Protein backbone atom coordinates (compact mmCIF):
# COMPACT_ATOMS: atom_id res chain seq x y z
CA MET A 1 30.28 -59.72 36.57
CA PRO A 2 30.73 -57.43 39.59
CA ILE A 3 31.36 -53.75 38.93
CA ILE A 4 32.65 -51.77 41.91
CA ARG A 5 32.44 -47.97 41.69
CA ILE A 6 34.42 -45.74 44.03
CA GLU A 7 34.05 -41.97 44.21
CA THR A 8 36.82 -40.04 45.90
CA TRP A 9 38.41 -36.62 45.83
CA LYS A 10 41.04 -35.95 43.20
CA GLY A 11 44.62 -36.45 44.27
CA THR A 12 44.79 -40.12 45.20
CA THR A 13 48.22 -41.46 44.25
CA LEU A 14 48.66 -44.14 41.61
CA ASP A 15 50.10 -46.51 44.25
CA LYS A 16 47.01 -46.08 46.45
CA LYS A 17 44.69 -46.63 43.47
CA ARG A 18 46.61 -49.78 42.51
CA ASP A 19 46.35 -51.09 46.09
CA LEU A 20 42.64 -50.24 46.26
CA VAL A 21 41.85 -52.00 42.97
CA GLU A 22 43.81 -55.10 44.00
CA SER A 23 42.19 -55.24 47.45
CA LEU A 24 38.65 -54.71 46.20
CA THR A 25 39.12 -57.31 43.46
CA ARG A 26 40.54 -59.88 45.88
CA GLU A 27 37.71 -59.36 48.40
CA ALA A 28 35.00 -59.44 45.74
CA CYS A 29 36.38 -62.78 44.52
CA ARG A 30 36.55 -64.16 48.05
CA ILE A 31 33.00 -63.12 48.94
CA LEU A 32 31.31 -63.74 45.59
CA GLY A 33 33.28 -66.79 44.52
CA CYS A 34 34.28 -65.33 41.16
CA THR A 35 37.57 -64.95 39.31
CA PRO A 36 39.52 -61.66 39.11
CA GLU A 37 38.96 -61.52 35.34
CA VAL A 38 35.26 -60.73 35.79
CA VAL A 39 35.69 -57.94 38.38
CA SER A 40 35.78 -54.31 37.24
CA VAL A 41 36.71 -51.41 39.50
CA ILE A 42 35.93 -47.86 38.42
CA ILE A 43 37.48 -44.95 40.31
CA ASP A 44 35.75 -41.61 39.77
CA GLU A 45 37.75 -38.65 41.06
CA VAL A 46 35.83 -35.50 41.91
CA ASP A 47 37.15 -32.01 42.67
CA LYS A 48 36.40 -31.07 46.29
CA GLU A 49 34.67 -27.93 45.01
CA ASN A 50 32.13 -30.22 43.30
CA TRP A 51 31.46 -32.32 46.43
CA GLY A 52 29.31 -31.15 49.31
CA ALA A 53 28.87 -32.60 52.80
CA ALA A 54 27.02 -31.31 55.86
CA GLY A 55 25.78 -28.32 53.88
CA GLU A 56 29.23 -27.12 52.83
CA LEU A 57 31.59 -27.55 49.90
CA CYS A 58 34.31 -29.99 50.81
CA SER A 59 36.89 -27.56 49.42
CA GLU A 60 35.90 -25.22 52.26
CA ARG A 61 35.40 -27.88 54.95
CA PHE A 62 38.69 -29.65 54.21
CA PRO A 63 41.00 -27.11 52.54
CA ASP A 64 44.21 -29.01 53.32
CA LYS A 65 43.14 -32.56 52.52
C-alpha cells in the first residue's frame, strides 16, 4: 500500500489539492501496478515561518508567495 506524503506551505487551494491527489494516485497506480483504493496521499501544510531554506525563514525569503 503506497503512502505518498507531500509537505507544502499553507494556502494551497482545495482545487489544487484535489488535482494533486488525483494525479499522484493515478501515477502511483501506473508505475506500481496497483489500484487507486490502496494509495494514500497525505498533504502536510506548514506555515512559512516554520520552514527554512538557504539559512532563512521562508516567510522572509518569500513574503508574497
